[in-house]
Amino acid sequence: MRCLRDAAEPEQAFAAFERLRRPRVEAIVRQARRHGSRKAIAGPVAEWFRDRALPLFLRLGAAVQARVHAYRIDWEARAA
């Protein structure tokens, strides 16, 4: 909405929107890839370790997710 409000043309608005969003989206994609690459279990020992460590990782992951979901848009700031 800010980009459409502040840009003279729709093309400029969409370019500004992409420029503003790209760093945050790329960080989320990197995080998802890191987490996704850890899903495979290599054997019974790794499975045992994962099951014992999972509560710790869930707490740590919740803190990271809280930062991602706490993102707020400053509607008063200029987009361009």
PDB file of N, CA and C in Angstrom:
ATOM      1  N   MET A   1       0.818  -1.190   0.000  1.00  0.00           N
ATOM      2  CA  MET A   1       0.000   0.000   0.000  1.00  0.00           C
ATOM      3  C   MET A   1       0.870   1.265   0.000  1.00  0.00           C
ATOM      4  N   ARG A   2       1.943   1.256   0.818  1.00  0.00           N
ATOM      5  CA  ARG A   2       2.815   2.430   0.848  1.00  0.00           C
ATOM      6  C   ARG A   2       3.416   2.685  -0.518  1.00  0.00           C
ATOM      7  N   CYS A   3       3.817   1.604  -1.191  1.00  0.00           N
ATOM      8  CA  CYS A   3       4.457   1.769  -2.492  1.00  0.00           C
ATOM      9  C   CYS A   3       3.487   2.354  -3.506  1.00  0.00           C
ATOM     10  N   LEU A   4       2.256   1.871  -3.501  1.00  0.00           N
ATOM     11  CA  LEU A   4       1.257   2.432  -4.413  1.00  0.00           C
ATOM     12  C   LEU A   4       0.934   3.873  -4.053  1.00  0.00           C
ATOM     13  N   ARG A   5       0.922   4.164  -2.772  1.00  0.00           N
ATOM     14  CA  ARG A   5       0.630   5.528  -2.319  1.00  0.00           C
ATOM     15  C   ARG A   5       1.732   6.494  -2.751  1.00  0.00           C
ATOM     16  N   ASP A   6       2.993   6.060  -2.665  1.00  0.00           N
ATOM     17  CA  ASP A   6       4.116   6.974  -2.839  1.00  0.00           C
ATOM     18  C   ASP A   6       4.680   7.034  -4.263  1.00  0.00           C
ATOM     19  N   ALA A   7       4.343   6.087  -5.107  1.00  0.00           N
ATOM     20  CA  ALA A   7       4.916   6.063  -6.457  1.00  0.00           C
ATOM     21  C   ALA A   7       3.943   6.693  -7.449  1.00  0.00           C
ATOM     22  N   ALA A   8       4.519   7.312  -8.461  1.00  0.00           N
ATOM     23  CA  ALA A   8       3.695   7.962  -9.484  1.00  0.00           C
ATOM     24  C   ALA A   8       3.090   6.943 -10.441  1.00  0.00           C
ATOM     25  N   GLU A   9       3.803   5.847 -10.711  1.00  0.00           N
ATOM     26  CA  GLU A   9       3.368   4.835 -11.671  1.00  0.00           C
ATOM     27  C   GLU A   9       3.354   3.459 -11.004  1.00  0.00           C
ATOM     28  N   PRO A  10       2.465   2.577 -11.430  1.00  0.00           N
ATOM     29  CA  PRO A  10       2.430   1.223 -10.852  1.00  0.00           C
ATOM     30  C   PRO A  10       3.761   0.475 -10.979  1.00  0.00           C
ATOM     31  N   GLU A  11       4.455   0.666 -12.104  1.00  0.00           N
ATOM     32  CA  GLU A  11       5.739  -0.007 -12.289  1.00  0.00           C
ATOM     33  C   GLU A  11       6.736   0.418 -11.208  1.00  0.00           C
ATOM     34  N   GLN A  12       6.747   1.694 -10.895  1.00  0.00           N
ATOM     35  CA  GLN A  12       7.632   2.195  -9.830  1.00  0.00           C
ATOM     36  C   GLN A  12       7.216   1.624  -8.479  1.00  0.00           C
ATOM     37  N   ALA A  13       5.921   1.520  -8.261  1.00  0.00           N
ATOM     38  CA  ALA A  13       5.423   0.987  -6.992  1.00  0.00           C
ATOM     39  C   ALA A  13       5.858  -0.461  -6.813  1.00  0.00           C
ATOM     40  N   PHE A  14       5.724  -1.281  -7.858  1.00  0.00           N
ATOM     41  CA  PHE A  14       6.104  -2.685  -7.753  1.00  0.00           C
ATOM     42  C   PHE A  14       7.620  -2.846  -7.613  1.00  0.00           C
ATOM     43  N   ALA A  15       8.384  -1.998  -8.266  1.00  0.00           N
ATOM     44  CA  ALA A  15       9.844  -2.048  -8.117  1.00  0.00           C
ATOM     45  C   ALA A  15      10.238  -1.677  -6.685  1.00  0.00           C
ATOM     46  N   ALA A  16       9.604  -0.678  -6.123  1.00  0.00           N
ATOM     47  CA  ALA A  16       9.891  -0.283  -4.736  1.00  0.00           C
ATOM     48  C   ALA A  16       9.476  -1.393  -3.772  1.00  0.00           C
ATOM     49  N   PHE A  17       8.324  -2.014  -4.024  1.00  0.00           N
ATOM     50  CA  PHE A  17       7.853  -3.106  -3.181  1.00  0.00           C
ATOM     51  C   PHE A  17       8.861  -4.244  -3.168  1.00  0.00           C
ATOM     52  N   GLU A  18       9.351  -4.630  -4.348  1.00  0.00           N
ATOM     53  CA  GLU A  18      10.339  -5.708  -4.429  1.00  0.00           C
ATOM     54  C   GLU A  18      11.632  -5.318  -3.712  1.00  0.00           C
ATOM     55  N   ARG A  19      12.090  -4.106  -3.914  1.00  0.00           N
ATOM     56  CA  ARG A  19      13.324  -3.641  -3.277  1.00  0.00           C
ATOM     57  C   ARG A  19      13.203  -3.669  -1.751  1.00  0.00           C
ATOM     58  N   LEU A  20      12.052  -3.284  -1.233  1.00  0.00           N
ATOM     59  CA  LEU A  20      11.852  -3.263   0.214  1.00  0.00           C
ATOM     60  C   LEU A  20      11.696  -4.669   0.791  1.00  0.00           C
ATOM     61  N   ARG A  21      11.059  -5.567   0.077  1.00  0.00           N
ATOM     62  CA  ARG A  21      10.758  -6.903   0.584  1.00  0.00           C
ATOM     63  C   ARG A  21      11.886  -7.911   0.395  1.00  0.00           C
ATOM     64  N   ARG A  22      12.686  -7.741  -0.648  1.00  0.00           N
ATOM     65  CA  ARG A  22      13.666  -8.762  -1.028  1.00  0.00           C
ATOM     66  C   ARG A  22      14.582  -9.185   0.125  1.00  0.00           C
ATOM     67  N   PRO A  23      15.204  -8.288   0.878  1.00  0.00           N
ATOM     68  CA  PRO A  23      16.119  -8.746   1.947  1.00  0.00           C
ATOM     69  C   PRO A  23      15.416  -9.637   2.982  1.00  0.00           C
ATOM     70  N   ARG A  24      14.222  -9.282   3.381  1.00  0.00           N
ATOM     71  CA  ARG A  24      13.504 -10.074   4.385  1.00  0.00           C
ATOM     72  C   ARG A  24      13.096 -11.431   3.817  1.00  0.00           C
ATOM     73  N   VAL A  25      12.601 -11.446   2.594  1.00  0.00           N
ATOM     74  CA  VAL A  25      12.183 -12.699   1.974  1.00  0.00           C
ATOM     75  C   VAL A  25      13.376 -13.614   1.754  1.00  0.00           C
ATOM     76  N   GLU A  26      14.492 -13.081   1.304  1.00  0.00           N
ATOM     77  CA  GLU A  26      15.681 -13.908   1.095  1.00  0.00           C
ATOM     78  C   GLU A  26      16.178 -14.504   2.402  1.00  0.00           C
ATOM     79  N   ALA A  27      16.104 -13.748   3.492  1.00  0.00           N
ATOM     80  CA  ALA A  27      16.511 -14.282   4.797  1.00  0.00           C
ATOM     81  C   ALA A  27      15.599 -15.429   5.224  1.00  0.00           C
ATOM     82  N   ILE A  28      14.303 -15.306   4.983  1.00  0.00           N
ATOM     83  CA  ILE A  28      13.358 -16.367   5.332  1.00  0.00           C
ATOM     84  C   ILE A  28      13.619 -17.612   4.484  1.00  0.00           C
ATOM     85  N   VAL A  29      13.901 -17.435   3.199  1.00  0.00           N
ATOM     86  CA  VAL A  29      14.197 -18.568   2.316  1.00  0.00           C
ATOM     87  C   VAL A  29      15.474 -19.270   2.763  1.00  0.00           C
ATOM     88  N   ARG A  30      16.516 -18.507   3.110  1.00  0.00           N
ATOM     89  CA  ARG A  30      17.771 -19.122   3.600  1.00  0.00           C
ATOM     90  C   ARG A  30      17.508 -19.952   4.848  1.00  0.00           C
ATOM     91  N   GLN A  31      16.747 -19.395   5.757  1.00  0.00           N
ATOM     92  CA  GLN A  31      16.438 -20.112   6.998  1.00  0.00           C
ATOM     93  C   GLN A  31      15.657 -21.390   6.696  1.00  0.00           C
ATOM     94  N   ALA A  32      14.692 -21.327   5.814  1.00  0.00           N
ATOM     95  CA  ALA A  32      13.900 -22.509   5.461  1.00  0.00           C
ATOM     96  C   ALA A  32      14.772 -23.579   4.815  1.00  0.00           C
ATOM     97  N   ARG A  33      15.708 -23.187   3.968  1.00  0.00           N
ATOM     98  CA  ARG A  33      16.603 -24.162   3.344  1.00  0.00           C
ATOM     99  C   ARG A  33      17.502 -24.826   4.378  1.00  0.00           C
ATOM    100  N   ARG A  34      18.013 -24.037   5.323  1.00  0.00           N
ATOM    101  CA  ARG A  34      18.857 -24.628   6.382  1.00  0.00           C
ATOM    102  C   ARG A  34      18.072 -25.653   7.176  1.00  0.00           C
ATOM    103  N   HIS A  35      16.861 -25.298   7.547  1.00  0.00           N
ATOM    104  CA  HIS A  35      16.044 -26.214   8.348  1.00  0.00           C
ATOM    105  C   HIS A  35      15.632 -27.438   7.536  1.00  0.00           C
ATOM    106  N   GLY A  36      15.321 -27.250   6.281  1.00  0.00           N
ATOM    107  CA  GLY A  36      14.901 -28.364   5.438  1.00  0.00           C
ATOM    108  C   GLY A  36      16.015 -29.354   5.184  1.00  0.00           C
ATOM    109  N   SER A  37      17.250 -28.893   5.110  1.00  0.00           N
ATOM    110  CA  SER A  37      18.370 -29.795   4.836  1.00  0.00           C
ATOM    111  C   SER A  37      18.717 -30.660   6.043  1.00  0.00           C
ATOM    112  N   ARG A  38      18.176 -30.362   7.200  1.00  0.00           N
ATOM    113  CA  ARG A  38      18.475 -31.132   8.412  1.00  0.00           C
ATOM    114  C   ARG A  38      17.427 -32.201   8.707  1.00  0.00           C
ATOM    115  N   LYS A  39      16.480 -32.410   7.828  1.00  0.00           N
ATOM    116  CA  LYS A  39      15.362 -33.303   8.116  1.00  0.00           C
ATOM    117  C   LYS A  39      15.720 -34.783   8.020  1.00  0.00           C
ATOM    118  N   ALA A  40      16.691 -35.157   7.203  1.00  0.00           N
ATOM    119  CA  ALA A  40      17.005 -36.567   6.989  1.00  0.00           C
ATOM    120  C   ALA A  40      17.727 -37.148   8.208  1.00  0.00           C
ATOM    121  N   ILE A  41      17.309 -38.337   8.631  1.00  0.00           N
ATOM    122  CA  ILE A  41      17.918 -39.028   9.763  1.00  0.00           C
ATOM    123  C   ILE A  41      18.878 -40.081   9.212  1.00  0.00           C
ATOM    124  N   ALA A  42      20.104 -40.102   9.728  1.00  0.00           N
ATOM    125  CA  ALA A  42      21.155 -40.982   9.204  1.00  0.00           C
ATOM    126  C   ALA A  42      21.159 -42.378   9.821  1.00  0.00           C
ATOM    127  N   GLY A  43      20.391 -42.609  10.859  1.00  0.00           N
ATOM    128  CA  GLY A  43      20.381 -43.933  11.476  1.00  0.00           C
ATOM    129  C   GLY A  43      19.783 -43.880  12.864  1.00  0.00           C
ATOM    130  N   PRO A  44      19.800 -45.020  13.571  1.00  0.00           N
ATOM    131  CA  PRO A  44      19.167 -45.076  14.885  1.00  0.00           C
ATOM    132  C   PRO A  44      19.836 -44.174  15.934  1.00  0.00           C
ATOM    133  N   VAL A  45      21.137 -44.009  15.869  1.00  0.00           N
ATOM    134  CA  VAL A  45      21.830 -43.138  16.827  1.00  0.00           C
ATOM    135  C   VAL A  45      21.419 -41.680  16.590  1.00  0.00           C
ATOM    136  N   ALA A  46      21.387 -41.285  15.337  1.00  0.00           N
ATOM    137  CA  ALA A  46      20.977 -39.925  15.001  1.00  0.00           C
ATOM    138  C   ALA A  46      19.517 -39.703  15.388  1.00  0.00           C
ATOM    139  N   GLU A  47      18.688 -40.720  15.206  1.00  0.00           N
ATOM    140  CA  GLU A  47      17.281 -40.609  15.585  1.00  0.00           C
ATOM    141  C   GLU A  47      17.140 -40.430  17.099  1.00  0.00           C
ATOM    142  N   TRP A  48      17.912 -41.201  17.868  1.00  0.00           N
ATOM    143  CA  TRP A  48      17.884 -41.091  19.327  1.00  0.00           C
ATOM    144  C   TRP A  48      18.313 -39.690  19.755  1.00  0.00           C
ATOM    145  N   PHE A  49      19.414 -39.193  19.174  1.00  0.00           N
ATOM    146  CA  PHE A  49      19.920 -37.864  19.511  1.00  0.00           C
ATOM    147  C   PHE A  49      18.892 -36.789  19.156  1.00  0.00           C
ATOM    148  N   ARG A  50      18.304 -36.910  17.967  1.00  0.00           N
ATOM    149  CA  ARG A  50      17.295 -35.933  17.545  1.00  0.00           C
ATOM    150  C   ARG A  50      16.126 -35.882  18.530  1.00  0.00           C
ATOM    151  N   ASP A  51      15.665 -37.049  18.940  1.00  0.00           N
ATOM    152  CA  ASP A  51      14.526 -37.086  19.858  1.00  0.00           C
ATOM    153  C   ASP A  51      14.857 -36.473  21.210  1.00  0.00           C
ATOM    154  N   ARG A  52      16.103 -36.587  21.667  1.00  0.00           N
ATOM    155  CA  ARG A  52      16.506 -36.004  22.948  1.00  0.00           C
ATOM    156  C   ARG A  52      16.746 -34.500  22.833  1.00  0.00           C
ATOM    157  N   ALA A  53      17.229 -34.055  21.684  1.00  0.00           N
ATOM    158  CA  ALA A  53      17.573 -32.642  21.495  1.00  0.00           C
ATOM    159  C   ALA A  53      16.399 -31.810  20.979  1.00  0.00           C
ATOM    160  N   LEU A  54      15.355 -32.460  20.489  1.00  0.00           N
ATOM    161  CA  LEU A  54      14.248 -31.737  19.867  1.00  0.00           C
ATOM    162  C   LEU A  54      13.623 -30.674  20.760  1.00  0.00           C
ATOM    163  N   PRO A  55      13.369 -30.932  22.046  1.00  0.00           N
ATOM    164  CA  PRO A  55      12.782 -29.861  22.875  1.00  0.00           C
ATOM    165  C   PRO A  55      13.625 -28.590  22.904  1.00  0.00           C
ATOM    166  N   LEU A  56      14.947 -28.732  22.985  1.00  0.00           N
ATOM    167  CA  LEU A  56      15.828 -27.559  22.967  1.00  0.00           C
ATOM    168  C   LEU A  56      15.721 -26.822  21.640  1.00  0.00           C
ATOM    169  N   PHE A  57      15.775 -27.567  20.542  1.00  0.00           N
ATOM    170  CA  PHE A  57      15.710 -26.937  19.229  1.00  0.00           C
ATOM    171  C   PHE A  57      14.371 -26.251  18.993  1.00  0.00           C
ATOM    172  N   LEU A  58      13.312 -26.833  19.526  1.00  0.00           N
ATOM    173  CA  LEU A  58      12.003 -26.192  19.368  1.00  0.00           C
ATOM    174  C   LEU A  58      11.945 -24.853  20.105  1.00  0.00           C
ATOM    175  N   ARG A  59      12.536 -24.804  21.290  1.00  0.00           N
ATOM    176  CA  ARG A  59      12.557 -23.528  22.024  1.00  0.00           C
ATOM    177  C   ARG A  59      13.391 -22.491  21.288  1.00  0.00           C
ATOM    178  N   LEU A  60      14.556 -22.896  20.789  1.00  0.00           N
ATOM    179  CA  LEU A  60      15.403 -21.964  20.042  1.00  0.00           C
ATOM    180  C   LEU A  60      14.709 -21.511  18.757  1.00  0.00           C
ATOM    181  N   GLY A  61      14.062 -22.438  18.073  1.00  0.00           N
ATOM    182  CA  GLY A  61      13.356 -22.113  16.841  1.00  0.00           C
ATOM    183  C   GLY A  61      12.207 -21.163  17.080  1.00  0.00           C
ATOM    184  N   ALA A  62      11.542 -21.309  18.221  1.00  0.00           N
ATOM    185  CA  ALA A  62      10.428 -20.410  18.535  1.00  0.00           C
ATOM    186  C   ALA A  62      10.921 -18.971  18.653  1.00  0.00           C
ATOM    187  N   ALA A  63      12.113 -18.789  19.224  1.00  0.00           N
ATOM    188  CA  ALA A  63      12.660 -17.431  19.352  1.00  0.00           C
ATOM    189  C   ALA A  63      12.947 -16.832  17.975  1.00  0.00           C
ATOM    190  N   VAL A  64      13.488 -17.633  17.079  1.00  0.00           N
ATOM    191  CA  VAL A  64      13.778 -17.152  15.723  1.00  0.00           C
ATOM    192  C   VAL A  64      12.476 -16.827  15.003  1.00  0.00           C
ATOM    193  N   GLN A  65      11.501 -17.714  15.111  1.00  0.00           N
ATOM    194  CA  GLN A  65      10.217 -17.481  14.447  1.00  0.00           C
ATOM    195  C   GLN A  65       9.526 -16.241  15.000  1.00  0.00           C
ATOM    196  N   ALA A  66       9.692 -15.985  16.281  1.00  0.00           N
ATOM    197  CA  ALA A  66       9.069 -14.799  16.876  1.00  0.00           C
ATOM    198  C   ALA A  66       9.582 -13.535  16.195  1.00  0.00           C
ATOM    199  N   ARG A  67      10.882 -13.501  15.873  1.00  0.00           N
ATOM    200  CA  ARG A  67      11.438 -12.325  15.177  1.00  0.00           C
ATOM    201  C   ARG A  67      10.839 -12.197  13.779  1.00  0.00           C
ATOM    202  N   VAL A  68      10.664 -13.328  13.100  1.00  0.00           N
ATOM    203  CA  VAL A  68      10.114 -13.298  11.741  1.00  0.00           C
ATOM    204  C   VAL A  68       8.678 -12.795  11.767  1.00  0.00           C
ATOM    205  N   HIS A  69       7.885 -13.292  12.702  1.00  0.00           N
ATOM    206  CA  HIS A  69       6.475 -12.931  12.741  1.00  0.00           C
ATOM    207  C   HIS A  69       6.215 -11.603  13.440  1.00  0.00           C
ATOM    208  N   ALA A  70       7.213 -11.047  14.092  1.00  0.00           N
ATOM    209  CA  ALA A  70       7.048  -9.769  14.779  1.00  0.00           C
ATOM    210  C   ALA A  70       7.257  -8.582  13.833  1.00  0.00           C
ATOM    211  N   TYR A  71       7.556  -8.849  12.578  1.00  0.00           N
ATOM    212  CA  TYR A  71       7.798  -7.793  11.599  1.00  0.00           C
ATOM    213  C   TYR A  71       6.565  -6.901  11.481  1.00  0.00           C
ATOM    214  N   ARG A  72       6.780  -5.629  11.535  1.00  0.00           N
ATOM    215  CA  ARG A  72       5.683  -4.663  11.397  1.00  0.00           C
ATOM    216  C   ARG A  72       6.046  -3.619  10.352  1.00  0.00           C
ATOM    217  N   ILE A  73       5.066  -3.185   9.632  1.00  0.00           N
ATOM    218  CA  ILE A  73       5.261  -2.184   8.584  1.00  0.00           C
ATOM    219  C   ILE A  73       5.024  -0.803   9.181  1.00  0.00           C
ATOM    220  N   ASP A  74       5.936   0.105   8.914  1.00  0.00           N
ATOM    221  CA  ASP A  74       5.771   1.498   9.321  1.00  0.00           C
ATOM    222  C   ASP A  74       4.985   2.192   8.201  1.00  0.00           C
ATOM    223  N   TRP A  75       3.688   2.311   8.395  1.00  0.00           N
ATOM    224  CA  TRP A  75       2.821   2.836   7.350  1.00  0.00           C
ATOM    225  C   TRP A  75       3.048   4.315   7.081  1.00  0.00           C
ATOM    226  N   GLU A  76       3.643   5.012   8.016  1.00  0.00           N
ATOM    227  CA  GLU A  76       3.880   6.439   7.822  1.00  0.00           C
ATOM    228  C   GLU A  76       5.150   6.710   7.023  1.00  0.00           C
ATOM    229  N   ALA A  77       6.081   5.749   6.970  1.00  0.00           N
ATOM    230  CA  ALA A  77       7.345   5.943   6.261  1.00  0.00           C
ATOM    231  C   ALA A  77       7.111   5.992   4.762  1.00  0.00           C
ATOM    232  N   ARG A  78       7.938   6.747   4.084  1.00  0.00           N
ATOM    233  CA  ARG A  78       7.854   6.839   2.621  1.00  0.00           C
ATOM    234  C   ARG A  78       8.463   5.582   2.032  1.00  0.00           C
ATOM    235  N   ALA A  79       7.892   5.040   0.985  1.00  0.00           N
ATOM    236  CA  ALA A  79       8.366   3.820   0.340  1.00  0.00           C
ATOM    237  C   ALA A  79       9.486   4.098  -0.649  1.00  0.00           C
ATOM    238  N   ALA A  80       9.482   5.246  -1.248  1.00  0.00           N
ATOM    239  CA  ALA A  80      10.472   5.529  -2.289  1.00  0.00           C
ATOM    240  C   ALA A  80      11.569   6.423  -1.802  1.00  0.00           C
TER     241      ALA A  80
END
